[in-house]
Protein backbone atom coordinates (compact mmCIF):
# COMPACT_ATOMS: atom_id res chain seq x y z
CA MET A 1 82.01 122.41 104.52
CA VAL A 2 79.73 119.66 103.22
CA ASN A 3 78.42 120.24 99.72
CA ASP A 4 74.95 118.78 99.16
CA LEU A 5 74.35 120.16 95.67
CA ASN A 6 74.29 116.64 94.28
CA ALA A 7 72.29 115.06 97.10
CA GLY A 8 69.61 112.71 95.84
CA HIS A 9 70.96 112.62 92.31
CA ALA A 10 71.63 109.38 90.49
CA LEU A 11 75.23 108.40 89.77
CA ALA A 12 74.59 108.89 86.07
CA ARG A 13 74.53 112.65 86.63
CA LEU A 14 78.15 112.72 87.80
CA GLU A 15 80.92 113.58 85.38
CA THR A 16 83.40 110.74 85.47
CA PRO A 17 85.85 109.75 86.74
CA ALA A 18 84.38 110.50 90.17
CA PRO A 19 85.44 109.22 93.62
CA LEU A 20 82.63 107.51 95.49
CA VAL A 21 82.36 106.55 99.16
CA ASP A 22 79.70 104.02 100.10
CA LEU A 23 78.44 105.63 103.30
CA ASP A 24 76.95 102.45 104.75
CA ARG A 25 80.23 100.58 104.34
CA MET A 26 82.34 103.45 105.66
CA GLU A 27 80.15 103.83 108.74
CA ARG A 28 80.35 100.09 109.35
CA ASN A 29 84.15 100.17 109.05
CA ILE A 30 84.42 103.05 111.52
CA THR A 31 82.11 101.39 114.03
CA ARG A 32 83.79 98.01 113.77
CA MET A 33 87.30 99.38 114.35
CA ALA A 34 86.19 101.51 117.29
CA GLY A 35 84.52 98.45 118.82
CA TYR A 36 87.66 96.36 118.40
CA ALA A 37 89.79 98.99 120.13
CA ARG A 38 87.33 99.26 123.04
CA GLN A 39 87.10 95.50 123.40
CA HIS A 40 90.87 95.17 123.79
CA GLY A 41 91.50 98.35 125.80
CA ILE A 42 93.65 99.96 123.11
CA ALA A 43 93.42 103.67 122.36
CA LEU A 44 92.45 104.27 118.72
CA ARG A 45 94.23 107.14 116.98
CA PRO A 46 93.33 106.75 113.27
CA HIS A 47 95.69 107.99 110.58
CA ILE A 48 93.92 110.54 108.38
CA LYS A 49 96.26 110.00 105.40
CA THR A 50 93.57 107.89 103.73
CA HIS A 51 90.56 110.22 103.86
CA LYS A 52 92.15 113.64 104.58
CA SER A 53 88.67 114.83 105.53
CA GLN A 54 87.47 116.80 108.54
CA ARG A 55 84.03 115.25 108.15
CA VAL A 56 85.28 111.66 108.24
CA ALA A 57 87.73 112.45 111.05
CA ALA A 58 84.89 113.87 113.13
CA GLN A 59 82.96 110.63 112.61
CA GLN A 60 85.95 108.60 113.80
CA ILE A 61 86.25 110.74 116.91
CA ALA A 62 82.52 110.50 117.61
CA ALA A 63 82.84 106.70 117.42
CA GLY A 64 85.53 106.70 120.11
CA ALA A 65 88.93 107.65 118.66
CA VAL A 66 91.11 109.41 121.26
CA GLY A 67 92.77 111.60 118.65
CA LEU A 68 94.13 111.61 115.13
CA THR A 69 97.41 110.78 113.41
CA CYS A 70 98.77 112.98 110.62
CA ALA A 71 101.66 112.60 108.19
CA THR A 72 102.38 116.30 107.58
CA PRO A 73 102.19 119.51 109.59
CA ALA A 74 99.77 120.84 106.96
CA GLU A 75 97.44 117.91 107.70
CA ALA A 76 97.73 118.65 111.43
CA VAL A 77 96.70 122.27 110.87
CA VAL A 78 93.63 121.17 108.92
CA MET A 79 92.64 118.50 111.44
CA SER A 80 93.02 120.87 114.39
CA ALA A 81 89.60 122.22 113.41
CA VAL A 82 87.94 118.96 114.49
CA CYS A 83 90.37 117.40 116.99
CA ASN A 84 92.27 118.68 120.02
CA ASP A 85 94.78 115.80 120.25
CA LEU A 86 97.05 115.24 117.25
CA LEU A 87 100.05 113.05 116.53
CA LEU A 88 102.47 113.98 113.76
CA ALA A 89 103.88 110.58 112.83
CA TYR A 90 106.77 112.02 110.86
CA PRO A 91 110.13 113.55 111.89
CA PRO A 92 109.64 117.36 111.98
CA VAL A 93 112.99 118.50 110.61
CA GLY A 94 113.57 122.13 109.59
CA ALA A 95 110.52 123.96 108.25
CA LYS A 96 108.24 121.07 109.22
CA ALA A 97 108.90 121.91 112.88
CA GLU A 98 108.19 125.59 112.21
CA ARG A 99 104.90 124.71 110.57
CA LEU A 100 103.64 123.20 113.83
CA LEU A 101 103.35 126.73 115.18
CA SER A 102 100.25 127.06 113.00
CA VAL A 103 98.43 124.42 115.05
CA PRO A 104 96.33 126.29 117.66
CA PRO A 105 97.80 126.30 121.19
CA SER A 106 94.62 124.66 122.50
CA VAL A 107 95.47 121.48 120.57
CA ARG A 108 97.67 118.89 122.21
CA VAL A 109 100.50 117.99 119.81
CA THR A 110 102.71 114.92 119.93
CA VAL A 111 105.46 114.15 117.43
CA SER A 112 107.16 110.91 116.49
CA LEU A 113 110.87 111.23 115.63
CA ASP A 114 114.14 109.35 115.48
CA SER A 115 117.06 111.80 115.61
CA ALA A 116 118.75 114.37 117.84
CA ARG A 117 118.44 116.91 115.01
CA ALA A 118 114.65 116.53 114.97
CA ILE A 119 114.55 116.91 118.75
CA ASP A 120 116.64 120.07 118.61
CA ASP A 121 114.54 121.63 115.83
CA LEU A 122 111.32 120.81 117.67
CA ALA A 123 112.68 122.06 121.02
CA LEU A 124 113.63 125.39 119.44
CA VAL A 125 110.08 125.85 118.14
CA ALA A 126 108.56 124.74 121.44
CA ARG A 127 110.67 127.18 123.46
CA ARG A 128 109.94 130.06 121.12
CA SER A 129 106.20 129.48 121.45
CA ASP A 130 106.38 128.45 125.13
CA ARG A 131 104.49 125.31 124.22
CA GLU A 132 104.76 121.81 125.62
CA ILE A 133 105.02 119.19 122.87
CA GLY A 134 104.97 115.46 123.47
CA VAL A 135 107.51 113.21 121.78
CA TYR A 136 107.36 109.55 120.82
CA VAL A 137 110.75 108.06 120.08
CA GLU A 138 110.24 105.92 116.98
CA VAL A 139 111.91 102.53 116.84
CA ASP A 140 112.55 100.51 113.68
CA VAL A 141 110.93 97.08 114.03
CA GLY A 142 111.68 95.77 110.56
CA MET A 143 110.53 98.11 107.83
CA HIS A 144 113.87 99.96 107.70
CA ARG A 145 112.34 103.29 106.70
CA VAL A 146 112.49 105.47 109.79
CA GLY A 147 113.03 104.59 113.42
CA VAL A 148 116.04 104.13 115.68
CA PRO A 149 117.62 100.75 114.86
CA THR A 150 118.78 99.92 118.40
CA VAL A 151 117.13 100.05 121.81
CA ASP A 152 120.16 101.79 123.29
CA GLY A 153 119.88 104.47 120.63
CA ALA A 154 116.19 104.94 121.39
CA ILE A 155 116.88 105.29 125.11
CA ALA A 156 119.56 107.88 124.39
CA LEU A 157 117.03 109.91 122.36
CA ALA A 158 114.44 109.64 125.14
CA ARG A 159 116.99 111.11 127.55
CA HIS A 160 117.73 113.87 125.04
CA VAL A 161 114.02 114.68 124.91
CA ARG A 162 113.86 114.89 128.71
CA ALA A 163 116.77 117.33 128.67
CA SER A 164 115.04 119.50 126.04
CA ALA A 165 112.22 121.28 127.84
CA PRO A 166 109.45 122.08 127.12
CA LEU A 167 109.45 118.81 125.16
CA GLN A 168 108.00 115.87 127.07
CA PHE A 169 108.91 112.23 126.57
CA ALA A 170 105.48 110.72 125.94
CA GLY A 171 106.31 107.20 124.79
CA VAL A 172 107.60 105.07 121.95
CA ALA A 173 106.21 104.40 118.49
CA PHE A 174 106.71 101.83 115.78
CA TYR A 175 105.20 100.98 112.41
CA PRO A 176 105.16 97.32 111.33
CA GLY A 177 104.80 98.22 107.67
CA HIS A 178 107.03 95.32 106.69
CA ILE A 179 104.26 92.90 107.64
CA ARG A 180 102.15 92.77 104.49
CA SER A 181 101.40 89.06 104.34
CA THR A 182 97.86 87.76 104.63
CA VAL A 183 96.33 88.10 108.07
CA ALA A 184 96.19 84.34 108.54
CA SER A 185 99.91 83.93 107.81
CA GLN A 186 101.27 86.66 110.09
CA ASP A 187 101.92 84.44 113.12
CA GLY A 188 105.69 84.21 112.81
CA GLU A 189 106.23 87.88 112.03
CA LEU A 190 103.93 88.95 114.86
CA ALA A 191 105.71 86.66 117.32
CA THR A 192 109.05 88.23 116.39
CA LEU A 193 107.58 91.72 116.62
CA THR A 194 106.06 91.06 120.05
CA ALA A 195 109.33 89.65 121.38
CA ASP A 196 111.23 92.70 120.11
CA ILE A 197 108.72 95.09 121.68
CA GLY A 198 108.93 93.19 124.96
CA ARG A 199 112.71 93.45 125.08
CA MET A 200 112.53 97.15 124.26
CA LEU A 201 110.06 97.85 127.07
CA VAL A 202 112.17 95.95 129.60
CA ALA A 203 115.21 98.01 128.59
CA PHE A 204 113.30 101.29 128.90
CA ASP A 205 112.05 100.27 132.35
CA ARG A 206 115.57 99.41 133.50
CA ALA A 207 116.75 102.79 132.23
CA GLY A 208 114.13 104.54 134.37
CA LEU A 209 112.19 105.64 131.29
CA PRO A 210 109.02 103.55 131.22
CA PRO A 211 107.01 104.78 128.21
CA ALA A 212 103.50 105.86 129.14
CA ILE A 213 102.32 105.11 125.59
CA VAL A 214 103.39 102.40 123.17
CA SER A 215 101.96 103.42 119.81
CA GLY A 216 101.96 101.07 116.86
CA GLY A 217 100.03 99.03 114.37
CA SER A 218 98.89 99.28 110.78
CA THR A 219 95.89 98.33 108.67
CA PRO A 220 97.37 94.98 107.53
CA THR A 221 97.90 93.96 111.19
CA MET A 222 95.00 95.89 112.75
CA TRP A 223 92.82 92.97 113.82
CA ARG A 224 95.79 91.37 115.58
CA THR A 225 97.05 94.46 117.41
CA HIS A 226 95.92 92.97 120.75
CA GLU A 227 98.49 90.22 120.22
CA MET A 228 101.30 92.80 120.29
CA ILE A 229 102.07 92.72 124.01
CA GLY A 230 102.53 96.18 125.52
CA VAL A 231 100.83 98.19 122.76
CA THR A 232 98.51 100.84 124.22
CA GLU A 233 97.65 102.81 121.07
CA MET A 234 96.92 101.85 117.45
CA ARG A 235 97.06 104.00 114.30
CA PRO A 236 95.35 102.27 111.33
CA GLY A 237 94.31 104.46 108.42
CA THR A 238 93.24 102.56 105.33
CA TYR A 239 90.49 100.67 107.19
CA VAL A 240 88.05 103.58 106.92
CA TYR A 241 87.68 103.04 103.14
CA ASN A 242 89.72 99.87 102.48
CA ASP A 243 91.00 98.91 99.03
CA ARG A 244 91.86 95.99 96.79
CA THR A 245 95.14 95.23 98.53
CA THR A 246 93.56 95.26 101.99
CA ALA A 247 90.90 92.83 100.81
CA GLU A 248 93.41 90.53 99.12
CA ILE A 249 95.48 90.11 102.29
CA GLY A 250 92.35 89.35 104.32
CA ALA A 251 92.33 92.47 106.50
CA CYS A 252 88.85 93.19 105.17
CA SER A 253 86.28 91.54 102.95
CA TRP A 254 85.45 92.76 99.46
CA ASP A 255 82.14 94.00 100.86
CA ASP A 256 84.09 96.26 103.25
CA CYS A 257 85.59 98.27 100.37
CA ALA A 258 83.80 101.59 100.75
CA PHE A 259 85.76 103.54 98.14
CA SER A 260 85.55 103.21 94.37
CA VAL A 261 86.10 105.35 91.31
CA LEU A 262 83.06 105.76 89.07
CA ALA A 263 84.13 105.55 85.44
CA THR A 264 82.49 105.48 82.02
CA VAL A 265 83.18 102.95 79.29
CA VAL A 266 84.34 105.12 76.38
CA SER A 267 85.47 102.49 73.87
CA THR A 268 84.97 98.82 73.06
CA ALA A 269 86.63 98.96 69.65
CA VAL A 270 89.37 96.44 70.50
CA PRO A 271 88.07 92.88 71.06
CA GLY A 272 88.59 91.44 74.54
CA GLN A 273 88.87 94.75 76.31
CA ALA A 274 86.99 97.91 77.22
CA VAL A 275 88.43 101.36 77.79
CA ILE A 276 87.25 103.53 80.68
CA ASP A 277 87.91 107.20 81.36
CA ALA A 278 89.87 106.45 84.55
CA GLY A 279 93.61 106.18 83.98
CA ALA A 280 96.67 106.88 86.10
CA LYS A 281 95.39 110.35 87.04
CA ALA A 282 92.28 108.79 88.55
CA LEU A 283 93.51 105.44 89.89
CA GLY A 284 97.18 106.02 90.65
CA ARG A 285 99.84 103.67 89.35
CA GLU A 286 100.65 101.50 92.32
CA PRO A 287 100.89 97.73 91.81
CA MET A 288 99.59 95.23 94.33
CA ARG A 289 101.79 94.98 97.42
CA GLY A 290 101.93 91.95 99.69
CA ALA A 291 99.29 90.08 97.70
CA SER A 292 98.91 88.43 94.34
CA GLY A 293 96.99 90.15 91.59
CA GLU A 294 97.90 92.01 88.46
CA GLY A 295 96.62 95.36 87.29
CA PHE A 296 95.75 98.61 89.04
CA GLY A 297 92.24 97.99 90.30
CA ALA A 298 89.21 95.71 89.93
CA LEU A 299 85.52 96.32 89.34
CA LEU A 300 83.47 96.49 92.51
CA ASP A 301 80.73 94.19 91.23
CA ARG A 302 83.03 92.05 89.03
CA PRO A 303 86.35 91.55 90.87
CA ASP A 304 87.55 89.26 88.09
CA VAL A 305 87.65 92.25 85.73
CA VAL A 306 90.84 94.23 86.35
CA VAL A 307 92.32 97.43 85.03
CA ALA A 308 95.19 95.74 83.23
CA ARG A 309 96.88 98.78 81.68
CA MET A 310 96.67 102.54 81.93
CA SER A 311 97.76 105.75 80.34
CA GLU A 312 97.01 109.14 81.88
CA GLU A 313 93.29 109.26 81.08
CA HIS A 314 92.61 105.72 79.81
CA GLY A 315 92.13 102.51 81.76
CA ILE A 316 92.04 99.19 79.93
CA LEU A 317 89.65 96.59 81.35
CA ASP A 318 90.73 93.00 80.68
CA LEU A 319 87.62 91.02 79.69
CA SER A 320 89.40 87.70 79.13
CA ARG A 321 88.02 86.09 82.30
CA THR A 322 84.39 87.15 81.95
CA ASP A 323 81.44 86.78 79.59
CA TRP A 324 80.37 90.33 80.44
CA ARG A 325 80.62 92.72 77.52
CA PRO A 326 79.97 96.35 78.36
CA SER A 327 78.65 98.95 75.96
CA VAL A 328 80.00 102.43 75.38
CA GLY A 329 78.38 104.70 77.98
CA ASP A 330 78.07 102.03 80.69
CA LEU A 331 79.17 103.06 84.20
CA VAL A 332 81.56 100.93 86.26
CA ARG A 333 83.03 101.30 89.75
CA VAL A 334 86.73 100.51 90.20
CA VAL A 335 88.26 99.59 93.57
CA PRO A 336 91.89 100.81 93.39
CA ASN A 337 94.89 98.90 94.65
CA HIS A 338 95.85 101.67 97.08
CA VAL A 339 93.09 104.03 98.14
CA CYS A 340 95.24 106.63 99.93
CA ILE A 341 97.01 107.89 96.83
CA VAL A 342 93.74 107.95 94.86
CA VAL A 343 91.90 110.11 97.39
CA HIS A 344 94.79 112.57 97.20
CA LEU A 345 94.10 113.02 93.47
CA ASN A 346 90.65 114.49 94.15
CA ASP A 347 89.20 117.69 95.55
CA LEU A 348 85.78 116.26 96.41
CA MET A 349 84.32 112.96 97.60
CA TYR A 350 80.78 111.85 96.77
CA GLY A 351 79.00 109.93 99.51
CA VAL A 352 76.54 107.42 98.08
CA ARG A 353 73.88 105.04 99.31
CA GLY A 354 73.04 102.49 96.67
CA ASP A 355 73.10 104.23 93.30
CA ARG A 356 72.18 107.66 94.66
CA VAL A 357 74.46 110.52 95.70
CA ASP A 358 73.57 111.33 99.30
CA THR A 359 76.14 114.04 100.02
CA SER A 360 79.63 115.25 99.16
CA TRP A 361 82.56 116.76 101.03
CA PRO A 362 85.97 118.29 100.28
CA VAL A 363 89.29 116.51 100.70
CA ASP A 364 90.32 119.18 103.20
CA ALA A 365 93.96 118.19 103.71
CA ARG A 366 94.78 117.52 100.06
CA GLY A 367 98.08 118.99 98.87
CA ARG A 368 100.85 120.70 100.78
CA SER A 369 100.25 124.38 99.98
CA HIS A 370 100.81 126.69 102.94
CA PRO A 371 102.36 130.08 103.64
CA VAL A 372 106.02 130.39 104.44
CA VAL A 373 106.58 130.83 108.18
CA THR A 374 108.78 133.84 108.94
CA ALA A 375 110.40 134.85 112.16
């Protein structure tokens, strides 16, 4: 449910730290990505791990997304309220497979996995509920996190899926998360990736298992997904809000960063720095990845001012590269290094236009709390 209690109020009325979403920027991000996917004939299935919001997911679907991607069964249950086509991009082993029974039968469910054990667990659940579930066999293309490391192994799993009714072999999936270089310098890595995908698809065809869907992509590579020959579906997530890392690698501009944390300057006692009330519990503690840049965030209107150090409730702004000197009580907006983990720290998002709160909404899929499934 959308909460409009703060609609029309100035930012100064919010207790800080407070998560802000610039609605104009978010809407532009959603529209731009949907347009890119349409232009290149690629199905867009955004990952909701960044926003975890039914409201934002509904906007993505309205703009043209074919469905949604989730990381946990609990997220899938929450998103089933606004979408009837969900992908669980995570191996559903043990209780995770059981949890899928909570997704309404009217919702089409597909799962990405990489082991016979996951297939067997999912097949048991599918048979018990008499429910057809699609399966993507996930292939490792370089990140070495999950995914079958060999094409022969992936083909063997696809055959295992076909022999495990009511599961249906729906396609293959990959995540090029190892490609975190700047967009302009991805040529070599993308060429290798495309060649690997091509060889995989030829092998699947020869095995009589042509995948109907080839699902892949990421936010760092999103604007070059059309260069990945054979890809039919893309799953970017961070693009909806963007963050400091995404801007630094050139996957978005600084003006595309829709998310920031509103904070208050609480101390200027130490020369050369200012202390804000946003520490690790508001900004996360993830360093920059794939791009240069120290600290844990930068000011939206002064990117040269970074959060250099943090404790739980304190963030230290480094003022060594600026003539700006804030006063106690001043408000600042911090763009975090990694937006996904910061959203997860909050129960509520505030949607703003300019310096006014326009609306607010809950982070519906925050946390992992759910009832134990019993037989």
